[in-house]
Amino acid sequence: MKFVKMHGIGNDYVFVDTITEEVKNAPELARKVSPRHFSVGSDGLILITPSEVAHVGMRIFNADGSEAEMCGNGVRCVAKYVWDHGICRENPLTVETASGCKELQLHLKHGKVVSARVDMGEPRLKRSQIPMRGGEKDRVVDESIRVGRRNLSITCLSMGNPHCIIPVREFDFPDWRELGEAVEKHELFPERINVHFVKVRSESEMDVKTWERGSGATLACGSGASAVGVAANMLGYTGRTTTVNLPGGSLEIEWSESSNRVYMTGPAVEVFSGNWPG
């Protein structure tokens, strides 16, 4: 089975074009290809699929085999694969995901995609849309929860998948991974949640560390960066256009006041291709 390894600012996946290749058990394949040092190594598996409503479709499987609704870094890589490999040469290009169709404006250099601007859609701000249990407030903004011995201030929303944003003054606490995993699996979140620790640098720039549900600590999360941009604006920390710095690189996020849609711009890189033995 042919595969391609790709990443968006370090958020890396194994991609399989199921238009030409057959994948019988995607969750099992995700668990097999993802371990670093012992396999291909990735944050998960993304399948490029045919679509009746978009130019192509995609399915995302985390490293533990669980299926995700959306991946902002992954969808840019899908668009790059589709264009660079001649499957579709439309610009803008549409990709069907479990959270709806996404439109991407492709940025080309020497005939290949180097980056893309993704229309991530409207943020879903209601508690039921995240989803999240408890409380009477319609929105989860600066809400206090208890996790172990810590009281945390959280802001939550969905960008087609669930995100929890936690502001911090400094990344000086050694247990952020353990804390991220505890929040991910907190009883308030029936479908678990992606967790982002955010340090605000200015009205237009933030640093973020991410714990992704099903994959753990990752170098970047595109839908998470989009959620961070929305949450920071709702909290009054930033404007509607921000640079989100993650360990793997930076993404430009815009939450349009006129359309209420979130736009994410960032690179997509093909690393190598190979053949999976079986």
C-alpha atoms as a PDB file:
ATOM      1  CA  MET A   1       0.000   0.000   0.000  1.00  0.00           C
ATOM      2  CA  LYS A   2       1.426   3.366  -1.023  1.00  0.00           C
ATOM      3  CA  PHE A   3       1.459   6.198   1.506  1.00  0.00           C
ATOM      4  CA  VAL A   4       2.822   9.725   1.813  1.00  0.00           C
ATOM      5  CA  LYS A   5       4.103  11.385   4.990  1.00  0.00           C
ATOM      6  CA  MET A   6       3.093  15.068   5.219  1.00  0.00           C
ATOM      7  CA  HIS A   7       2.927  17.751   7.878  1.00  0.00           C
ATOM      8  CA  GLY A   8       1.552  21.198   8.591  1.00  0.00           C
ATOM      9  CA  ILE A   9       3.999  23.012  10.947  1.00  0.00           C
ATOM     10  CA  GLY A  10       4.976  19.706  12.526  1.00  0.00           C
ATOM     11  CA  ASN A  11       1.488  18.230  12.899  1.00  0.00           C
ATOM     12  CA  ASP A  12       2.311  15.135  10.852  1.00  0.00           C
ATOM     13  CA  TYR A  13       0.158  12.392   9.376  1.00  0.00           C
ATOM     14  CA  VAL A  14       0.412   9.364   7.156  1.00  0.00           C
ATOM     15  CA  PHE A  15      -1.776   9.967   4.092  1.00  0.00           C
ATOM     16  CA  VAL A  16      -3.307   7.233   1.944  1.00  0.00           C
ATOM     17  CA  ASP A  17      -5.139   7.931  -1.299  1.00  0.00           C
ATOM     18  CA  THR A  18      -8.093   5.545  -1.075  1.00  0.00           C
ATOM     19  CA  ILE A  19      -9.160   6.525  -4.583  1.00  0.00           C
ATOM     20  CA  THR A  20      -6.433   4.126  -5.744  1.00  0.00           C
ATOM     21  CA  GLU A  21      -5.538   2.184  -2.560  1.00  0.00           C
ATOM     22  CA  GLU A  22      -7.717  -0.040  -0.354  1.00  0.00           C
ATOM     23  CA  VAL A  23      -7.777   0.368   3.431  1.00  0.00           C
ATOM     24  CA  LYS A  24      -9.819  -2.294   5.215  1.00  0.00           C
ATOM     25  CA  ASN A  25      -9.326  -1.337   8.867  1.00  0.00           C
ATOM     26  CA  ALA A  26      -8.394   2.328   9.250  1.00  0.00           C
ATOM     27  CA  PRO A  27      -8.338   2.458  13.099  1.00  0.00           C
ATOM     28  CA  GLU A  28      -5.950  -0.498  13.248  1.00  0.00           C
ATOM     29  CA  LEU A  29      -3.765   0.976  10.488  1.00  0.00           C
ATOM     30  CA  ALA A  30      -3.603   4.289  12.365  1.00  0.00           C
ATOM     31  CA  ARG A  31      -2.391   2.520  15.502  1.00  0.00           C
ATOM     32  CA  LYS A  32       0.244   0.629  13.487  1.00  0.00           C
ATOM     33  CA  VAL A  33       1.722   3.504  11.454  1.00  0.00           C
ATOM     34  CA  SER A  34       1.740   6.153  14.193  1.00  0.00           C
ATOM     35  CA  PRO A  35       4.301   4.944  16.822  1.00  0.00           C
ATOM     36  CA  ARG A  36       7.468   6.977  16.577  1.00  0.00           C
ATOM     37  CA  HIS A  37      10.816   5.125  16.429  1.00  0.00           C
ATOM     38  CA  PHE A  38       8.988   1.814  15.803  1.00  0.00           C
ATOM     39  CA  SER A  39       6.991   2.665  12.658  1.00  0.00           C
ATOM     40  CA  VAL A  40       6.449   5.473  10.158  1.00  0.00           C
ATOM     41  CA  GLY A  41       5.735   7.835  13.043  1.00  0.00           C
ATOM     42  CA  SER A  42       2.880  10.351  13.010  1.00  0.00           C
ATOM     43  CA  ASP A  43       0.072  12.010  14.922  1.00  0.00           C
ATOM     44  CA  GLY A  44      -2.331   9.747  13.041  1.00  0.00           C
ATOM     45  CA  LEU A  45      -3.678   8.602   9.685  1.00  0.00           C
ATOM     46  CA  ILE A  46      -5.599  10.609   7.070  1.00  0.00           C
ATOM     47  CA  LEU A  47      -7.472   8.951   4.219  1.00  0.00           C
ATOM     48  CA  ILE A  48      -8.099  10.892   1.015  1.00  0.00           C
ATOM     49  CA  THR A  49     -11.474   9.740  -0.306  1.00  0.00           C
ATOM     50  CA  PRO A  50     -13.850  10.356  -3.199  1.00  0.00           C
ATOM     51  CA  SER A  51     -16.657  12.836  -2.504  1.00  0.00           C
ATOM     52  CA  GLU A  52     -20.025  13.578  -4.074  1.00  0.00           C
ATOM     53  CA  VAL A  53     -20.249  17.084  -2.576  1.00  0.00           C
ATOM     54  CA  ALA A  54     -16.648  18.351  -2.830  1.00  0.00           C
ATOM     55  CA  HIS A  55     -13.569  17.850  -4.994  1.00  0.00           C
ATOM     56  CA  VAL A  56     -12.304  15.197  -2.530  1.00  0.00           C
ATOM     57  CA  GLY A  57     -13.022  13.982   0.988  1.00  0.00           C
ATOM     58  CA  MET A  58     -10.895  13.169   4.018  1.00  0.00           C
ATOM     59  CA  ARG A  59     -11.165  10.991   7.121  1.00  0.00           C
ATOM     60  CA  ILE A  60      -8.908  11.554  10.135  1.00  0.00           C
ATOM     61  CA  PHE A  61      -7.813   8.884  12.608  1.00  0.00           C
ATOM     62  CA  ASN A  62      -5.813   9.777  15.692  1.00  0.00           C
ATOM     63  CA  ALA A  63      -2.778   7.794  16.805  1.00  0.00           C
ATOM     64  CA  ASP A  64      -4.981   5.723  19.142  1.00  0.00           C
ATOM     65  CA  GLY A  65      -7.329   4.782  16.290  1.00  0.00           C
ATOM     66  CA  SER A  66     -10.192   7.073  17.274  1.00  0.00           C
ATOM     67  CA  GLU A  67     -11.749   9.085  14.453  1.00  0.00           C
ATOM     68  CA  ALA A  68     -11.731  12.899  14.523  1.00  0.00           C
ATOM     69  CA  GLU A  69     -14.119  15.262  12.785  1.00  0.00           C
ATOM     70  CA  MET A  70     -11.608  17.773  11.441  1.00  0.00           C
ATOM     71  CA  CYS A  71      -7.901  18.592  11.246  1.00  0.00           C
ATOM     72  CA  GLY A  72      -6.874  22.070  10.116  1.00  0.00           C
ATOM     73  CA  ASN A  73      -3.255  21.163   9.392  1.00  0.00           C
ATOM     74  CA  GLY A  74      -4.298  17.902   7.767  1.00  0.00           C
ATOM     75  CA  VAL A  75      -6.796  19.493   5.389  1.00  0.00           C
ATOM     76  CA  ARG A  76      -4.090  21.800   4.013  1.00  0.00           C
ATOM     77  CA  CYS A  77      -1.927  18.745   3.357  1.00  0.00           C
ATOM     78  CA  VAL A  78      -4.829  16.980   1.624  1.00  0.00           C
ATOM     79  CA  ALA A  79      -5.210  19.969  -0.686  1.00  0.00           C
ATOM     80  CA  LYS A  80      -1.486  19.940  -1.438  1.00  0.00           C
ATOM     81  CA  TYR A  81      -1.540  16.210  -2.190  1.00  0.00           C
ATOM     82  CA  VAL A  82      -4.582  16.529  -4.441  1.00  0.00           C
ATOM     83  CA  TRP A  83      -3.078  19.420  -6.429  1.00  0.00           C
ATOM     84  CA  ASP A  84       0.548  18.252  -6.572  1.00  0.00           C
ATOM     85  CA  HIS A  85      -0.386  14.696  -7.592  1.00  0.00           C
ATOM     86  CA  GLY A  86      -2.774  15.884 -10.296  1.00  0.00           C
ATOM     87  CA  ILE A  87      -6.001  14.515  -8.783  1.00  0.00           C
ATOM     88  CA  CYS A  88      -7.706  17.906  -9.012  1.00  0.00           C
ATOM     89  CA  ARG A  89      -6.401  21.254 -10.252  1.00  0.00           C
ATOM     90  CA  GLU A  90      -9.160  23.521  -8.962  1.00  0.00           C
ATOM     91  CA  ASN A  91      -8.340  26.651  -6.978  1.00  0.00           C
ATOM     92  CA  PRO A  92     -10.096  27.248  -4.661  1.00  0.00           C
ATOM     93  CA  LEU A  93     -10.464  23.578  -3.816  1.00  0.00           C
ATOM     94  CA  THR A  94     -13.095  21.983  -1.574  1.00  0.00           C
ATOM     95  CA  VAL A  95     -12.602  19.087   0.862  1.00  0.00           C
ATOM     96  CA  GLU A  96     -15.420  17.177   2.534  1.00  0.00           C
ATOM     97  CA  THR A  97     -14.832  16.433   6.233  1.00  0.00           C
ATOM     98  CA  ALA A  98     -16.980  15.004   9.015  1.00  0.00           C
ATOM     99  CA  SER A  99     -17.594  18.594  10.160  1.00  0.00           C
ATOM    100  CA  GLY A 100     -18.662  19.817   6.718  1.00  0.00           C
ATOM    101  CA  CYS A 101     -17.018  20.972   3.485  1.00  0.00           C
ATOM    102  CA  LYS A 102     -13.988  23.252   3.732  1.00  0.00           C
ATOM    103  CA  GLU A 103     -12.873  25.614   0.972  1.00  0.00           C
ATOM    104  CA  LEU A 104      -9.149  26.252   0.539  1.00  0.00           C
ATOM    105  CA  GLN A 105      -7.417  29.000  -1.392  1.00  0.00           C
ATOM    106  CA  LEU A 106      -4.141  27.460  -2.566  1.00  0.00           C
ATOM    107  CA  HIS A 107      -0.860  29.393  -2.666  1.00  0.00           C
ATOM    108  CA  LEU A 108       1.482  28.042  -5.345  1.00  0.00           C
ATOM    109  CA  LYS A 109       5.214  28.205  -5.992  1.00  0.00           C
ATOM    110  CA  HIS A 110       6.783  26.606  -9.077  1.00  0.00           C
ATOM    111  CA  GLY A 111       3.484  24.861  -9.757  1.00  0.00           C
ATOM    112  CA  LYS A 112       3.155  23.219  -6.328  1.00  0.00           C
ATOM    113  CA  VAL A 113       1.176  24.116  -3.214  1.00  0.00           C
ATOM    114  CA  VAL A 114       3.289  25.650  -0.453  1.00  0.00           C
ATOM    115  CA  SER A 115       0.500  26.960   1.771  1.00  0.00           C
ATOM    116  CA  ALA A 116      -3.247  27.435   1.901  1.00  0.00           C
ATOM    117  CA  ARG A 117      -5.928  29.638   3.426  1.00  0.00           C
ATOM    118  CA  VAL A 118      -8.707  27.507   4.874  1.00  0.00           C
ATOM    119  CA  ASP A 119     -12.265  28.631   5.493  1.00  0.00           C
ATOM    120  CA  MET A 120     -12.777  26.834   8.810  1.00  0.00           C
ATOM    121  CA  GLY A 121     -16.430  27.893   9.035  1.00  0.00           C
ATOM    122  CA  GLU A 122     -18.275  29.510  11.926  1.00  0.00           C
ATOM    123  CA  PRO A 123     -17.252  28.731  15.496  1.00  0.00           C
ATOM    124  CA  ARG A 124     -19.833  26.811  17.502  1.00  0.00           C
ATOM    125  CA  LEU A 125     -20.088  28.532  20.854  1.00  0.00           C
ATOM    126  CA  LYS A 126     -23.012  26.859  22.613  1.00  0.00           C
ATOM    127  CA  ARG A 127     -22.253  24.366  25.362  1.00  0.00           C
ATOM    128  CA  SER A 128     -24.366  21.714  23.655  1.00  0.00           C
ATOM    129  CA  GLN A 129     -22.414  22.151  20.413  1.00  0.00           C
ATOM    130  CA  ILE A 130     -19.005  21.456  21.986  1.00  0.00           C
ATOM    131  CA  PRO A 131     -20.431  19.173  23.563  1.00  0.00           C
ATOM    132  CA  MET A 132     -20.048  19.865  27.290  1.00  0.00           C
ATOM    133  CA  ARG A 133     -22.096  18.832  30.308  1.00  0.00           C
ATOM    134  CA  GLY A 134     -23.224  20.919  33.260  1.00  0.00           C
ATOM    135  CA  GLY A 135     -23.947  24.547  33.921  1.00  0.00           C
ATOM    136  CA  GLU A 136     -26.724  26.855  32.820  1.00  0.00           C
ATOM    137  CA  LYS A 137     -24.720  29.331  30.758  1.00  0.00           C
ATOM    138  CA  ASP A 138     -25.117  29.056  27.007  1.00  0.00           C
ATOM    139  CA  ARG A 139     -21.427  29.816  26.367  1.00  0.00           C
ATOM    140  CA  VAL A 140     -18.377  28.535  28.198  1.00  0.00           C
ATOM    141  CA  VAL A 141     -16.253  31.666  28.618  1.00  0.00           C
ATOM    142  CA  ASP A 142     -13.829  32.043  31.532  1.00  0.00           C
ATOM    143  CA  GLU A 143     -15.552  29.240  33.432  1.00  0.00           C
ATOM    144  CA  SER A 144     -13.889  27.649  36.468  1.00  0.00           C
ATOM    145  CA  ILE A 145     -13.401  23.886  36.795  1.00  0.00           C
ATOM    146  CA  ARG A 146     -11.498  21.697  39.239  1.00  0.00           C
ATOM    147  CA  VAL A 147      -8.889  19.309  37.822  1.00  0.00           C
ATOM    148  CA  GLY A 148      -6.988  17.400  40.471  1.00  0.00           C
ATOM    149  CA  ARG A 149      -5.593  20.022  42.856  1.00  0.00           C
ATOM    150  CA  ARG A 150      -5.902  22.839  40.337  1.00  0.00           C
ATOM    151  CA  ASN A 151      -8.645  25.352  39.668  1.00  0.00           C
ATOM    152  CA  LEU A 152      -8.590  26.201  35.970  1.00  0.00           C
ATOM    153  CA  SER A 153     -10.233  28.984  33.994  1.00  0.00           C
ATOM    154  CA  ILE A 154     -11.445  27.520  30.698  1.00  0.00           C
ATOM    155  CA  THR A 155     -13.090  28.794  27.535  1.00  0.00           C
ATOM    156  CA  CYS A 156     -14.529  26.133  25.231  1.00  0.00           C
ATOM    157  CA  LEU A 157     -15.935  26.013  21.717  1.00  0.00           C
ATOM    158  CA  SER A 158     -16.111  23.783  18.667  1.00  0.00           C
ATOM    159  CA  MET A 159     -14.509  24.310  15.274  1.00  0.00           C
ATOM    160  CA  GLY A 160     -16.197  21.133  14.066  1.00  0.00           C
ATOM    161  CA  ASN A 161     -14.265  19.353  16.828  1.00  0.00           C
ATOM    162  CA  PRO A 162     -14.114  20.306  20.536  1.00  0.00           C
ATOM    163  CA  HIS A 163     -11.504  22.633  22.053  1.00  0.00           C
ATOM    164  CA  CYS A 164     -10.713  23.840  25.565  1.00  0.00           C
ATOM    165  CA  ILE A 165      -8.543  26.963  25.920  1.00  0.00           C
ATOM    166  CA  ILE A 166      -6.637  27.626  29.167  1.00  0.00           C
ATOM    167  CA  PRO A 167      -4.761  30.964  29.527  1.00  0.00           C
ATOM    168  CA  VAL A 168      -1.409  30.803  31.351  1.00  0.00           C
ATOM    169  CA  ARG A 169       1.129  33.461  32.326  1.00  0.00           C
ATOM    170  CA  GLU A 170       4.146  31.243  31.591  1.00  0.00           C
ATOM    171  CA  PHE A 171       4.827  27.713  30.356  1.00  0.00           C
ATOM    172  CA  ASP A 172       6.765  27.006  33.532  1.00  0.00           C
ATOM    173  CA  PHE A 173       4.742  24.143  34.955  1.00  0.00           C
ATOM    174  CA  PRO A 174       6.321  20.722  34.264  1.00  0.00           C
ATOM    175  CA  ASP A 175       3.102  18.719  34.339  1.00  0.00           C
ATOM    176  CA  TRP A 176       1.255  20.400  31.456  1.00  0.00           C
ATOM    177  CA  ARG A 177       1.002  17.083  29.579  1.00  0.00           C
ATOM    178  CA  GLU A 178      -0.542  15.335  32.581  1.00  0.00           C
ATOM    179  CA  LEU A 179      -2.864  18.286  33.062  1.00  0.00           C
ATOM    180  CA  GLY A 180      -3.804  18.259  29.386  1.00  0.00           C
ATOM    181  CA  GLU A 181      -4.669  14.569  29.514  1.00  0.00           C
ATOM    182  CA  ALA A 182      -6.741  15.072  32.685  1.00  0.00           C
ATOM    183  CA  VAL A 183      -8.735  17.887  31.063  1.00  0.00           C
ATOM    184  CA  GLU A 184      -9.167  15.868  27.848  1.00  0.00           C
ATOM    185  CA  LYS A 185     -10.816  13.074  29.820  1.00  0.00           C
ATOM    186  CA  HIS A 186     -12.727  15.258  32.300  1.00  0.00           C
ATOM    187  CA  GLU A 187     -16.289  14.127  32.948  1.00  0.00           C
ATOM    188  CA  LEU A 188     -17.598  17.448  31.608  1.00  0.00           C
ATOM    189  CA  PHE A 189     -16.639  16.398  28.069  1.00  0.00           C
ATOM    190  CA  PRO A 190     -18.589  13.342  26.879  1.00  0.00           C
ATOM    191  CA  GLU A 191     -16.574  13.095  23.629  1.00  0.00           C
ATOM    192  CA  ARG A 192     -13.270  14.177  25.241  1.00  0.00           C
ATOM    193  CA  ILE A 193     -11.659  17.454  24.169  1.00  0.00           C
ATOM    194  CA  ASN A 194      -8.527  19.019  22.701  1.00  0.00           C
ATOM    195  CA  VAL A 195      -6.670  21.173  25.235  1.00  0.00           C
ATOM    196  CA  HIS A 196      -4.646  24.334  24.515  1.00  0.00           C
ATOM    197  CA  PHE A 197      -2.500  26.255  26.991  1.00  0.00           C
ATOM    198  CA  VAL A 198      -2.212  29.857  25.772  1.00  0.00           C
ATOM    199  CA  LYS A 199       0.223  32.651  26.616  1.00  0.00           C
ATOM    200  CA  VAL A 200      -0.821  35.999  25.163  1.00  0.00           C
ATOM    201  CA  ARG A 201       2.113  38.091  23.888  1.00  0.00           C
ATOM    202  CA  SER A 202       0.196  41.044  22.465  1.00  0.00           C
ATOM    203  CA  GLU A 203      -3.137  41.983  20.921  1.00  0.00           C
ATOM    204  CA  SER A 204      -2.061  40.147  17.780  1.00  0.00           C
ATOM    205  CA  GLU A 205       0.190  37.279  18.907  1.00  0.00           C
ATOM    206  CA  MET A 206      -0.037  34.211  21.161  1.00  0.00           C
ATOM    207  CA  ASP A 207       2.068  31.170  22.071  1.00  0.00           C
ATOM    208  CA  VAL A 208       0.292  27.826  22.413  1.00  0.00           C
ATOM    209  CA  LYS A 209       1.043  24.320  23.650  1.00  0.00           C
ATOM    210  CA  THR A 210      -1.448  21.629  22.633  1.00  0.00           C
ATOM    211  CA  TRP A 211      -2.637  18.316  24.011  1.00  0.00           C
ATOM    212  CA  GLU A 212      -4.780  16.601  21.353  1.00  0.00           C
ATOM    213  CA  ARG A 213      -7.382  14.016  22.252  1.00  0.00           C
ATOM    214  CA  GLY A 214      -6.294  10.622  21.002  1.00  0.00           C
ATOM    215  CA  SER A 215      -2.779  11.765  20.047  1.00  0.00           C
ATOM    216  CA  GLY A 216      -1.295  13.505  23.090  1.00  0.00           C
ATOM    217  CA  ALA A 217       1.196  16.382  22.877  1.00  0.00           C
ATOM    218  CA  THR A 218       1.573  17.566  19.278  1.00  0.00           C
ATOM    219  CA  LEU A 219       3.658  20.261  17.615  1.00  0.00           C
ATOM    220  CA  ALA A 220       0.596  21.997  16.191  1.00  0.00           C
ATOM    221  CA  CYS A 221      -3.191  21.892  15.832  1.00  0.00           C
ATOM    222  CA  GLY A 222      -4.852  23.937  13.091  1.00  0.00           C
ATOM    223  CA  SER A 223      -8.437  23.742  14.287  1.00  0.00           C
ATOM    224  CA  GLY A 224      -7.090  24.384  17.790  1.00  0.00           C
ATOM    225  CA  ALA A 225      -5.256  27.519  16.666  1.00  0.00           C
ATOM    226  CA  SER A 226      -8.527  28.669  15.088  1.00  0.00           C
ATOM    227  CA  ALA A 227     -10.355  28.045  18.365  1.00  0.00           C
ATOM    228  CA  VAL A 228      -7.632  29.881  20.297  1.00  0.00           C
ATOM    229  CA  GLY A 229      -8.065  32.923  18.039  1.00  0.00           C
ATOM    230  CA  VAL A 230     -11.796  32.993  18.716  1.00  0.00           C
ATOM    231  CA  ALA A 231     -11.461  32.385  22.472  1.00  0.00           C
ATOM    232  CA  ALA A 232      -8.772  35.047  22.943  1.00  0.00           C
ATOM    233  CA  ASN A 233     -10.979  37.615  21.223  1.00  0.00           C
ATOM    234  CA  MET A 234     -14.016  36.683  23.323  1.00  0.00           C
ATOM    235  CA  LEU A 235     -11.866  37.058  26.463  1.00  0.00           C
ATOM    236  CA  GLY A 236     -10.718  40.498  25.303  1.00  0.00           C
ATOM    237  CA  TYR A 237      -7.056  39.540  24.966  1.00  0.00           C
ATOM    238  CA  THR A 238      -6.631  40.021  21.221  1.00  0.00           C
ATOM    239  CA  GLY A 239      -8.194  41.455  18.103  1.00  0.00           C
ATOM    240  CA  ARG A 240      -9.802  39.339  15.417  1.00  0.00           C
ATOM    241  CA  THR A 241      -6.576  38.779  13.458  1.00  0.00           C
ATOM    242  CA  THR A 242      -3.784  36.982  15.298  1.00  0.00           C
ATOM    243  CA  THR A 243      -0.572  35.040  14.841  1.00  0.00           C
ATOM    244  CA  VAL A 244      -0.646  31.774  16.791  1.00  0.00           C
ATOM    245  CA  ASN A 245       2.826  30.403  17.530  1.00  0.00           C
ATOM    246  CA  LEU A 246       3.012  26.665  18.140  1.00  0.00           C
ATOM    247  CA  PRO A 247       6.102  24.488  18.746  1.00  0.00           C
ATOM    248  CA  GLY A 248       6.149  23.489  15.063  1.00  0.00           C
ATOM    249  CA  GLY A 249       5.582  26.941  13.561  1.00  0.00           C
ATOM    250  CA  SER A 250       3.028  29.727  13.208  1.00  0.00           C
ATOM    251  CA  LEU A 251      -0.479  30.051  11.781  1.00  0.00           C
ATOM    252  CA  GLU A 252      -2.375  33.191  10.838  1.00  0.00           C
ATOM    253  CA  ILE A 253      -5.934  33.241  12.186  1.00  0.00           C
ATOM    254  CA  GLU A 254      -8.708  35.670  11.249  1.00  0.00           C
ATOM    255  CA  TRP A 255     -12.193  35.644  12.790  1.00  0.00           C
ATOM    256  CA  SER A 256     -14.162  37.749  10.322  1.00  0.00           C
ATOM    257  CA  GLU A 257     -16.565  40.174  11.970  1.00  0.00           C
ATOM    258  CA  SER A 258     -18.707  40.474   8.841  1.00  0.00           C
ATOM    259  CA  SER A 259     -19.127  36.775   8.058  1.00  0.00           C
ATOM    260  CA  ASN A 260     -18.468  35.228  11.524  1.00  0.00           C
ATOM    261  CA  ARG A 261     -16.211  32.711   9.749  1.00  0.00           C
ATOM    262  CA  VAL A 262     -12.703  31.752  10.823  1.00  0.00           C
ATOM    263  CA  TYR A 263      -9.864  31.684   8.291  1.00  0.00           C
ATOM    264  CA  MET A 264      -6.575  29.886   8.905  1.00  0.00           C
ATOM    265  CA  THR A 265      -3.447  30.292   6.767  1.00  0.00           C
ATOM    266  CA  GLY A 266      -0.392  28.064   6.987  1.00  0.00           C
ATOM    267  CA  PRO A 267       2.069  25.819   5.109  1.00  0.00           C
ATOM    268  CA  ALA A 268       1.796  22.207   3.932  1.00  0.00           C
ATOM    269  CA  VAL A 269       4.833  20.000   3.339  1.00  0.00           C
ATOM    270  CA  GLU A 270       5.331  16.560   1.785  1.00  0.00           C
ATOM    271  CA  VAL A 271       8.171  14.762   3.583  1.00  0.00           C
ATOM    272  CA  PHE A 272       8.489  11.386   1.863  1.00  0.00           C
ATOM    273  CA  SER A 273       6.534   8.529   0.302  1.00  0.00           C
ATOM    274  CA  GLY A 274       6.769   4.800   0.839  1.00  0.00           C
ATOM    275  CA  ASN A 275       5.096   1.424   0.744  1.00  0.00           C
ATOM    276  CA  TRP A 276       3.394  -0.136   3.763  1.00  0.00           C
ATOM    277  CA  PRO A 277       3.998  -3.895   3.809  1.00  0.00           C
ATOM    278  CA  GLY A 278       0.513  -5.104   4.645  1.00  0.00           C
END
